[in-house]
Amino acid sequence: MATAEVGNGAVLDVAGRIGPRRSLWRGTRFITEVFDGADDALAALEAVQGGLTSTGFQTLDWLTVLYEELAPSQHAMPRLLFVTERNTGEIALILPLVIRKKRTLKVAHFADLGVSDYGGPILGPALLKKGRSIRRAWRAIRQALRDVDLIRLERMPAQIGGRPNPLITRSGITPARHSGNVLVVPETVEDYVRSRGKKFRKEIERCHRLWEKEGAPRFYRATTPEEIARVYSVLEEQQSARHAALGSKYVLDEPAYRAFYERLAMDGSDAELAALFAVEAQGEIVAALFGIVHDGAFTLLRISTAGQVGSHLSPGRLVVVEAMKYFVARGVRHFDMGIGDYPFKRGFGVEDVPLYDLIVARDLSAVPRALFHRLKGRLRQNKLARAVYQRWKPVLKR
């Protein structure tokens, strides 16, 4: 097999893969390669960029920050699985995972760690359409994960980049706790605002009038290191103050999460993945918005306001509308408000995007946990069953 050096002593073969491999599993039709550790996993993914389809949370830029900044603090081992078609050498899918201990169980999760809204495989050029092909690919994945007790793949959309997610067809699929919230602006933002009704339009117009009266009204995307540092610092302060006022635990104040988002804001902006916006009045930031841009869509990650100081401006709504204008002018018309059912999102007329969990026990010790998660998923679809579940929840969790 022909090879070529790709740096650091690694070898790239004709199929575009990087070696040496940690392990290799050969099936009748698919070959699964396993790369453990951030360095090997990221090098392998970087070597095959091009022709891949994923959500923004499975891109190389996102995974680089997550694997290098967040995984060590969470005692999570990065793992990447490549499933390749034996005959063509084409990649069918890639699973970006982390392996963690949950009490006595060794669990394979998507590379999430509390910061990724959506999980899902990275889809390659080799299309998995037929049920038989999907079963064989999934069998190859399960064989490569023999060292884990439980496979727990959460919040997967049914479609990824317009392509069917093959994992949705597997046994063990249940509805996820959360759904996505998406809206599309077909023409102009002004037309969209009018389509939301008179009350919504009047409120947006009122916000703009008050904002202009405040003096020095300014909306901008932070692009320089100085702007990014300032806006992100204010966003953190505003969100932290809000949670402190509510008396709620704020996990993003923890050092590891702060480091993750700070690096994402800086490195992600350079990679054109992250986007950070601010609304100012009288020289002060009254709202900030942070998200990622991928495949023609903007996904909101974090939003903050100055609390009572600028509440009369409805700054949260204002910064979202201004960001929509910014993106529509640049051809981005899909806006993803992220997971979670909040009145703020409903006010924008978002549509639900169902998400799914795939929970599979790989060891007898993990069967109760897998059944527990599946039961929760099924109960979300049935009111009576939910009531029964709440009564028996303490017993089921033992």
Protein backbone atom coordinates (compact mmCIF):
# COMPACT_ATOMS: atom_id res chain seq x y z
CA MET A 1 0.00 0.00 0.00
CA ALA A 2 1.37 3.42 -0.95
CA THR A 3 2.08 5.78 1.94
CA ALA A 4 3.31 9.33 2.50
CA GLU A 5 4.63 11.22 5.51
CA VAL A 6 2.16 13.73 6.99
CA GLY A 7 4.26 15.00 9.91
CA ASN A 8 5.24 13.90 13.43
CA GLY A 9 6.19 10.47 12.09
CA ALA A 10 2.60 9.66 11.14
CA VAL A 11 1.83 7.91 7.87
CA LEU A 12 -0.98 8.69 5.45
CA ASP A 13 -2.15 5.84 3.23
CA VAL A 14 -3.89 6.01 -0.14
CA ALA A 15 -7.32 6.01 1.49
CA GLY A 16 -6.41 9.20 3.34
CA ARG A 17 -6.05 7.66 6.79
CA ILE A 18 -3.37 8.30 9.34
CA GLY A 19 -1.34 5.67 11.21
CA PRO A 20 -0.16 3.95 13.19
CA ARG A 21 -3.56 2.68 14.30
CA ARG A 22 -4.47 1.92 17.88
CA SER A 23 -6.67 -0.95 16.76
CA LEU A 24 -8.34 -2.30 13.63
CA TRP A 25 -11.55 -4.34 13.36
CA ARG A 26 -12.31 -6.12 10.09
CA GLY A 27 -15.86 -7.12 9.20
CA THR A 28 -17.31 -8.70 6.09
CA ARG A 29 -17.87 -5.30 4.47
CA PHE A 30 -16.59 -2.61 6.83
CA ILE A 31 -13.32 -1.90 8.58
CA THR A 32 -13.37 0.07 11.83
CA GLU A 33 -10.27 1.95 12.98
CA VAL A 34 -9.99 3.28 16.51
CA PHE A 35 -7.89 6.30 17.50
CA ASP A 36 -7.52 7.01 21.20
CA GLY A 37 -6.25 10.24 22.73
CA ALA A 38 -6.62 13.82 21.51
CA ASP A 39 -3.45 13.89 19.40
CA ASP A 40 -4.13 10.71 17.42
CA ALA A 41 -7.86 11.38 17.06
CA LEU A 42 -7.44 14.95 15.80
CA ALA A 43 -4.58 14.02 13.48
CA ALA A 44 -6.71 11.26 11.97
CA LEU A 45 -9.68 13.59 11.44
CA GLU A 46 -7.52 16.35 9.97
CA ALA A 47 -6.09 13.91 7.44
CA VAL A 48 -9.51 13.17 5.93
CA GLN A 49 -11.09 16.64 5.76
CA GLY A 50 -13.21 17.09 2.65
CA GLY A 51 -16.32 15.21 1.63
CA LEU A 52 -17.55 14.94 5.23
CA THR A 53 -20.97 16.00 6.52
CA SER A 54 -21.70 16.81 10.16
CA THR A 55 -23.35 19.26 12.52
CA GLY A 56 -21.21 22.16 13.72
CA PHE A 57 -20.49 20.23 16.93
CA GLN A 58 -18.58 17.49 15.14
CA THR A 59 -16.27 19.66 13.04
CA LEU A 60 -12.50 19.53 13.40
CA ASP A 61 -12.35 23.06 14.82
CA TRP A 62 -14.97 22.33 17.51
CA LEU A 63 -13.51 18.94 18.46
CA THR A 64 -10.00 20.36 18.68
CA VAL A 65 -11.01 22.79 21.42
CA LEU A 66 -13.21 20.24 23.20
CA TYR A 67 -10.63 17.43 23.16
CA GLU A 68 -7.71 19.63 24.16
CA GLU A 69 -9.35 22.00 26.67
CA LEU A 70 -12.34 20.24 28.21
CA ALA A 71 -11.75 16.49 28.01
CA PRO A 72 -8.72 16.39 30.40
CA SER A 73 -10.58 18.25 33.16
CA GLN A 74 -13.57 15.90 32.84
CA HIS A 75 -11.41 12.76 32.93
CA ALA A 76 -12.74 11.84 29.51
CA MET A 77 -10.61 10.01 26.94
CA PRO A 78 -11.08 11.19 23.35
CA ARG A 79 -11.81 8.40 20.91
CA LEU A 80 -12.49 8.55 17.17
CA LEU A 81 -13.97 5.62 15.23
CA PHE A 82 -13.55 5.45 11.45
CA VAL A 83 -15.90 3.07 9.64
CA THR A 84 -14.60 2.44 6.12
CA GLU A 85 -16.07 0.44 3.27
CA ARG A 86 -13.70 -2.44 2.59
CA ASN A 87 -14.05 -2.57 -1.21
CA THR A 88 -13.86 1.15 -2.04
CA GLY A 89 -11.78 2.44 0.88
CA GLU A 90 -14.32 5.24 1.33
CA ILE A 91 -15.36 6.43 4.77
CA ALA A 92 -18.96 5.60 5.66
CA LEU A 93 -19.03 7.43 8.96
CA ILE A 94 -16.86 8.68 11.82
CA LEU A 95 -17.91 8.67 15.47
CA PRO A 96 -16.30 11.40 17.62
CA LEU A 97 -16.55 10.05 21.16
CA VAL A 98 -15.29 10.38 24.70
CA ILE A 99 -14.96 7.43 27.06
CA ARG A 100 -15.83 8.10 30.70
CA LYS A 101 -16.40 6.15 33.90
CA LYS A 102 -19.94 6.39 35.33
CA ARG A 103 -19.77 4.74 38.73
CA THR A 104 -18.79 1.17 37.85
CA LEU A 105 -19.57 1.49 34.12
CA LYS A 106 -17.30 2.47 31.27
CA VAL A 107 -19.46 4.58 28.94
CA ALA A 108 -18.98 5.76 25.35
CA HIS A 109 -20.59 9.18 24.76
CA PHE A 110 -20.53 11.56 21.85
CA ALA A 111 -17.89 14.24 22.34
CA ASP A 112 -20.28 16.51 24.20
CA LEU A 113 -19.28 17.10 27.85
CA GLY A 114 -22.16 19.50 28.37
CA VAL A 115 -21.30 22.03 25.65
CA SER A 116 -22.58 20.46 22.41
CA ASP A 117 -26.28 20.83 21.63
CA TYR A 118 -26.34 18.04 19.06
CA GLY A 119 -24.62 14.70 18.78
CA GLY A 120 -24.27 12.65 15.66
CA PRO A 121 -21.92 10.77 13.39
CA ILE A 122 -19.78 12.47 10.78
CA LEU A 123 -21.03 11.12 7.47
CA GLY A 124 -18.52 10.20 4.79
CA PRO A 125 -18.73 9.73 1.00
CA ALA A 126 -19.82 6.07 1.27
CA LEU A 127 -23.60 6.33 1.60
CA LEU A 128 -25.37 4.04 4.05
CA LYS A 129 -28.85 3.70 2.56
CA LYS A 130 -29.87 0.06 2.75
CA GLY A 131 -30.83 -1.49 6.06
CA ARG A 132 -28.36 -4.32 5.53
CA SER A 133 -25.44 -1.92 5.08
CA ILE A 134 -26.42 0.09 8.16
CA ARG A 135 -26.65 -3.09 10.24
CA ARG A 136 -23.20 -4.20 9.15
CA ALA A 137 -21.67 -0.79 9.84
CA TRP A 138 -23.28 -0.68 13.28
CA ARG A 139 -22.05 -4.20 14.02
CA ALA A 140 -18.52 -3.07 13.15
CA ILE A 141 -18.88 -0.12 15.54
CA ARG A 142 -20.11 -2.32 18.38
CA GLN A 143 -17.21 -4.73 17.86
CA ALA A 144 -14.77 -1.82 18.08
CA LEU A 145 -16.35 -0.75 21.37
CA ARG A 146 -15.96 -4.09 23.12
CA ASP A 147 -14.04 -2.42 25.93
CA VAL A 148 -17.03 -0.28 27.02
CA ASP A 149 -20.04 -1.34 29.07
CA LEU A 150 -22.58 1.14 27.71
CA ILE A 151 -22.97 3.08 24.45
CA ARG A 152 -24.88 6.30 25.12
CA LEU A 153 -25.26 8.50 22.03
CA GLU A 154 -27.56 11.43 22.78
CA ARG A 155 -29.44 14.25 21.01
CA MET A 156 -29.05 13.08 17.43
CA PRO A 157 -31.05 14.76 14.64
CA ALA A 158 -32.70 12.54 12.05
CA GLN A 159 -31.06 14.57 9.27
CA ILE A 160 -27.45 15.75 9.18
CA GLY A 161 -26.63 18.25 6.46
CA GLY A 162 -29.70 17.11 4.53
CA ARG A 163 -28.63 13.45 4.70
CA PRO A 164 -30.38 10.72 6.73
CA ASN A 165 -28.67 9.80 9.99
CA PRO A 166 -28.19 6.01 9.73
CA LEU A 167 -27.94 5.54 13.50
CA ILE A 168 -31.59 6.58 13.92
CA THR A 169 -32.66 3.18 12.57
CA ARG A 170 -30.85 1.14 15.24
CA SER A 171 -32.48 -0.78 18.08
CA GLY A 172 -32.26 1.24 21.28
CA ILE A 173 -33.43 4.55 19.79
CA THR A 174 -35.68 6.69 22.01
CA PRO A 175 -36.86 10.33 21.88
CA ALA A 176 -34.36 12.69 23.54
CA ARG A 177 -35.25 14.91 26.47
CA HIS A 178 -34.74 18.07 24.42
CA SER A 179 -35.56 19.08 20.87
CA GLY A 180 -33.92 21.61 18.60
CA ASN A 181 -35.44 25.02 17.84
CA VAL A 182 -34.96 26.26 14.29
CA LEU A 183 -36.33 29.06 12.13
CA VAL A 184 -35.69 30.04 8.54
CA VAL A 185 -35.84 33.59 7.14
CA PRO A 186 -36.99 33.09 3.53
CA GLU A 187 -36.55 36.70 2.38
CA THR A 188 -35.76 39.76 4.53
CA VAL A 189 -35.72 40.04 8.31
CA GLU A 190 -38.29 42.85 8.01
CA ASP A 191 -40.65 40.48 6.18
CA TYR A 192 -40.03 37.84 8.82
CA VAL A 193 -40.82 40.29 11.65
CA ARG A 194 -44.09 41.28 9.95
CA SER A 195 -45.01 37.62 9.53
CA ARG A 196 -44.84 37.17 13.30
CA GLY A 197 -47.86 39.44 13.75
CA LYS A 198 -48.61 43.02 14.75
CA LYS A 199 -47.71 42.64 18.42
CA PHE A 200 -44.26 41.22 17.68
CA ARG A 201 -43.58 43.85 14.99
CA LYS A 202 -44.63 46.72 17.28
CA GLU A 203 -42.39 45.43 20.04
CA ILE A 204 -39.36 45.23 17.73
CA GLU A 205 -40.03 48.76 16.47
CA ARG A 206 -40.35 50.02 20.06
CA CYS A 207 -37.02 48.43 21.00
CA HIS A 208 -35.29 50.16 18.10
CA ARG A 209 -36.76 53.56 18.93
CA LEU A 210 -35.70 53.33 22.56
CA TRP A 211 -32.27 52.06 21.56
CA GLU A 212 -31.70 55.03 19.26
CA LYS A 213 -32.85 57.45 21.96
CA GLU A 214 -30.29 56.05 24.38
CA GLY A 215 -27.50 57.55 22.29
CA ALA A 216 -24.57 55.99 20.44
CA PRO A 217 -26.54 52.87 19.38
CA ARG A 218 -24.17 50.28 17.98
CA PHE A 219 -24.40 46.65 16.87
CA TYR A 220 -21.26 44.84 15.74
CA ARG A 221 -19.55 41.51 15.36
CA ALA A 222 -16.38 41.25 17.42
CA THR A 223 -13.57 40.36 15.05
CA THR A 224 -10.29 41.68 16.47
CA PRO A 225 -8.65 40.00 19.49
CA GLU A 226 -9.34 43.11 21.55
CA GLU A 227 -13.03 43.21 20.60
CA ILE A 228 -13.47 39.49 21.17
CA ALA A 229 -11.81 39.66 24.60
CA ARG A 230 -13.96 42.62 25.67
CA VAL A 231 -17.31 41.32 24.42
CA TYR A 232 -16.72 37.80 25.69
CA SER A 233 -15.68 39.10 29.10
CA VAL A 234 -18.90 41.11 29.35
CA LEU A 235 -20.98 38.12 28.22
CA GLU A 236 -19.46 35.99 30.99
CA GLU A 237 -20.00 38.70 33.61
CA GLN A 238 -23.62 39.25 32.60
CA GLN A 239 -24.48 35.54 32.56
CA SER A 240 -22.73 34.91 35.88
CA ALA A 241 -24.53 37.85 37.51
CA ARG A 242 -27.90 36.59 36.30
CA HIS A 243 -27.37 33.11 37.71
CA ALA A 244 -26.08 34.56 40.99
CA ALA A 245 -29.25 36.67 41.26
CA LEU A 246 -31.37 33.57 40.66
CA GLY A 247 -29.33 31.55 43.13
CA SER A 248 -28.74 28.81 40.56
CA LYS A 249 -25.60 26.78 40.03
CA TYR A 250 -23.63 28.04 37.04
CA VAL A 251 -21.37 25.34 35.65
CA LEU A 252 -19.85 27.64 33.02
CA ASP A 253 -18.08 29.52 35.80
CA GLU A 254 -15.88 26.48 36.36
CA PRO A 255 -12.28 27.02 35.08
CA ALA A 256 -12.39 24.23 32.49
CA TYR A 257 -15.56 25.55 30.86
CA ARG A 258 -14.30 29.12 30.94
CA ALA A 259 -11.11 27.99 29.18
CA PHE A 260 -13.13 26.07 26.58
CA TYR A 261 -15.37 28.99 25.61
CA GLU A 262 -12.57 31.56 25.73
CA ARG A 263 -10.49 29.51 23.32
CA LEU A 264 -13.54 28.80 21.15
CA ALA A 265 -14.24 32.53 20.93
CA MET A 266 -10.66 33.30 19.86
CA ASP A 267 -9.62 30.29 17.76
CA GLY A 268 -13.15 29.72 16.49
CA SER A 269 -13.35 33.27 15.14
CA ASP A 270 -10.09 32.78 13.27
CA ALA A 271 -11.47 29.55 11.79
CA GLU A 272 -14.76 31.29 10.88
CA LEU A 273 -16.64 28.89 13.16
CA ALA A 274 -17.46 31.13 16.13
CA ALA A 275 -19.38 34.42 15.91
CA LEU A 276 -19.63 36.93 18.78
CA PHE A 277 -21.93 39.97 18.67
CA ALA A 278 -22.68 42.95 20.90
CA VAL A 279 -25.35 45.63 21.20
CA GLU A 280 -24.17 48.88 22.76
CA ALA A 281 -26.02 51.91 24.11
CA GLN A 282 -24.12 54.97 25.34
CA GLY A 283 -20.87 53.05 24.93
CA GLU A 284 -21.94 50.18 27.21
CA ILE A 285 -22.66 46.60 26.11
CA VAL A 286 -26.30 45.86 26.98
CA ALA A 287 -26.47 42.46 25.24
CA ALA A 288 -24.08 39.89 23.79
CA LEU A 289 -24.64 36.87 21.59
CA PHE A 290 -22.28 33.95 20.95
CA GLY A 291 -22.74 31.08 18.51
CA ILE A 292 -21.23 29.02 15.72
CA VAL A 293 -21.67 29.15 11.95
CA HIS A 294 -21.63 25.91 9.98
CA ASP A 295 -23.09 24.69 6.71
CA GLY A 296 -25.15 27.83 6.09
CA ALA A 297 -26.67 27.98 9.58
CA PHE A 298 -26.03 29.96 12.76
CA THR A 299 -26.49 28.12 16.07
CA LEU A 300 -26.91 30.15 19.25
CA LEU A 301 -24.77 28.97 22.16
CA ARG A 302 -24.92 31.75 24.74
CA ILE A 303 -26.79 35.03 25.13
CA SER A 304 -26.56 37.66 27.87
CA THR A 305 -28.06 41.00 28.83
CA ALA A 306 -27.16 43.74 31.30
CA GLY A 307 -30.09 42.89 33.57
CA GLN A 308 -32.20 45.79 34.82
CA VAL A 309 -29.81 48.37 33.37
CA GLY A 310 -31.10 48.02 29.82
CA SER A 311 -34.18 45.87 30.31
CA HIS A 312 -36.48 48.54 28.83
CA LEU A 313 -34.75 47.95 25.48
CA SER A 314 -35.52 44.21 25.44
CA PRO A 315 -31.82 43.80 24.55
CA GLY A 316 -31.95 40.01 24.20
CA ARG A 317 -34.55 40.23 21.47
CA LEU A 318 -32.73 43.18 19.94
CA VAL A 319 -29.36 41.42 19.62
CA VAL A 320 -31.00 38.36 18.00
CA VAL A 321 -32.84 40.43 15.39
CA GLU A 322 -29.71 42.43 14.56
CA ALA A 323 -27.67 39.23 14.23
CA MET A 324 -30.31 37.85 11.88
CA LYS A 325 -29.99 40.96 9.71
CA TYR A 326 -26.22 40.55 9.71
CA PHE A 327 -26.38 36.93 8.57
CA VAL A 328 -29.21 37.26 6.03
CA ALA A 329 -27.19 40.00 4.31
CA ARG A 330 -24.45 37.35 3.94
CA GLY A 331 -26.68 34.55 2.72
CA VAL A 332 -27.20 32.71 6.04
CA ARG A 333 -30.94 32.16 6.54
CA HIS A 334 -31.11 29.20 8.95
CA PHE A 335 -31.11 30.14 12.63
CA ASP A 336 -30.86 27.47 15.28
CA MET A 337 -31.78 28.63 18.79
CA GLY A 338 -30.33 25.47 20.29
CA ILE A 339 -31.94 22.95 22.61
CA GLY A 340 -34.33 23.76 25.43
CA ASP A 341 -37.94 24.95 25.40
CA TYR A 342 -37.90 28.59 26.52
CA PRO A 343 -40.56 31.32 26.00
CA PHE A 344 -37.85 33.57 24.53
CA LYS A 345 -37.34 31.12 21.67
CA ARG A 346 -41.04 30.51 21.17
CA GLY A 347 -41.52 34.24 20.66
CA PHE A 348 -39.43 33.97 17.51
CA GLY A 349 -41.65 31.26 16.06
CA VAL A 350 -39.12 28.44 16.10
CA GLU A 351 -40.05 24.97 14.91
CA ASP A 352 -39.28 21.84 16.91
CA VAL A 353 -36.61 19.53 15.53
CA PRO A 354 -36.95 16.09 17.18
CA LEU A 355 -33.76 14.60 18.59
CA TYR A 356 -33.00 11.00 19.51
CA ASP A 357 -30.88 9.00 21.94
CA LEU A 358 -29.30 5.64 21.16
CA ILE A 359 -28.64 3.64 24.34
CA VAL A 360 -27.09 0.16 24.04
CA ALA A 361 -25.76 -2.07 26.81
CA ARG A 362 -22.50 -3.88 25.96
CA ASP A 363 -22.32 -5.73 29.26
CA LEU A 364 -24.89 -7.30 31.57
CA SER A 365 -23.97 -4.79 34.28
CA ALA A 366 -25.14 -1.96 31.98
CA VAL A 367 -28.54 -3.48 31.11
CA PRO A 368 -30.46 -1.79 33.97
CA ARG A 369 -29.00 1.59 33.06
CA ALA A 370 -29.85 1.13 29.36
CA LEU A 371 -33.41 0.07 30.22
CA PHE A 372 -33.75 3.06 32.54
CA HIS A 373 -32.78 5.51 29.78
CA ARG A 374 -35.02 3.83 27.22
CA LEU A 375 -37.94 3.91 29.62
CA LYS A 376 -37.48 7.63 30.18
CA GLY A 377 -37.51 8.20 26.44
CA ARG A 378 -40.70 6.22 25.92
CA LEU A 379 -42.42 7.93 28.84
CA ARG A 380 -41.92 11.34 27.28
CA GLN A 381 -44.52 10.35 24.70
CA ASN A 382 -47.18 9.25 27.19
CA LYS A 383 -48.71 11.33 30.01
CA LEU A 384 -50.03 8.38 32.01
CA ALA A 385 -46.75 6.55 31.68
CA ARG A 386 -44.91 9.66 32.89
CA ALA A 387 -47.00 9.71 36.05
CA VAL A 388 -46.20 6.04 36.70
CA TYR A 389 -42.54 6.69 36.03
CA GLN A 390 -42.38 9.56 38.55
CA ARG A 391 -43.85 7.27 41.20
CA TRP A 392 -41.34 4.47 40.54
CA LYS A 393 -38.35 6.66 39.67
CA PRO A 394 -36.53 6.18 43.01
CA VAL A 395 -36.72 2.40 42.60
CA LEU A 396 -35.62 2.42 38.95
CA LYS A 397 -32.56 4.52 39.69
CA ARG A 398 -31.17 2.10 42.28
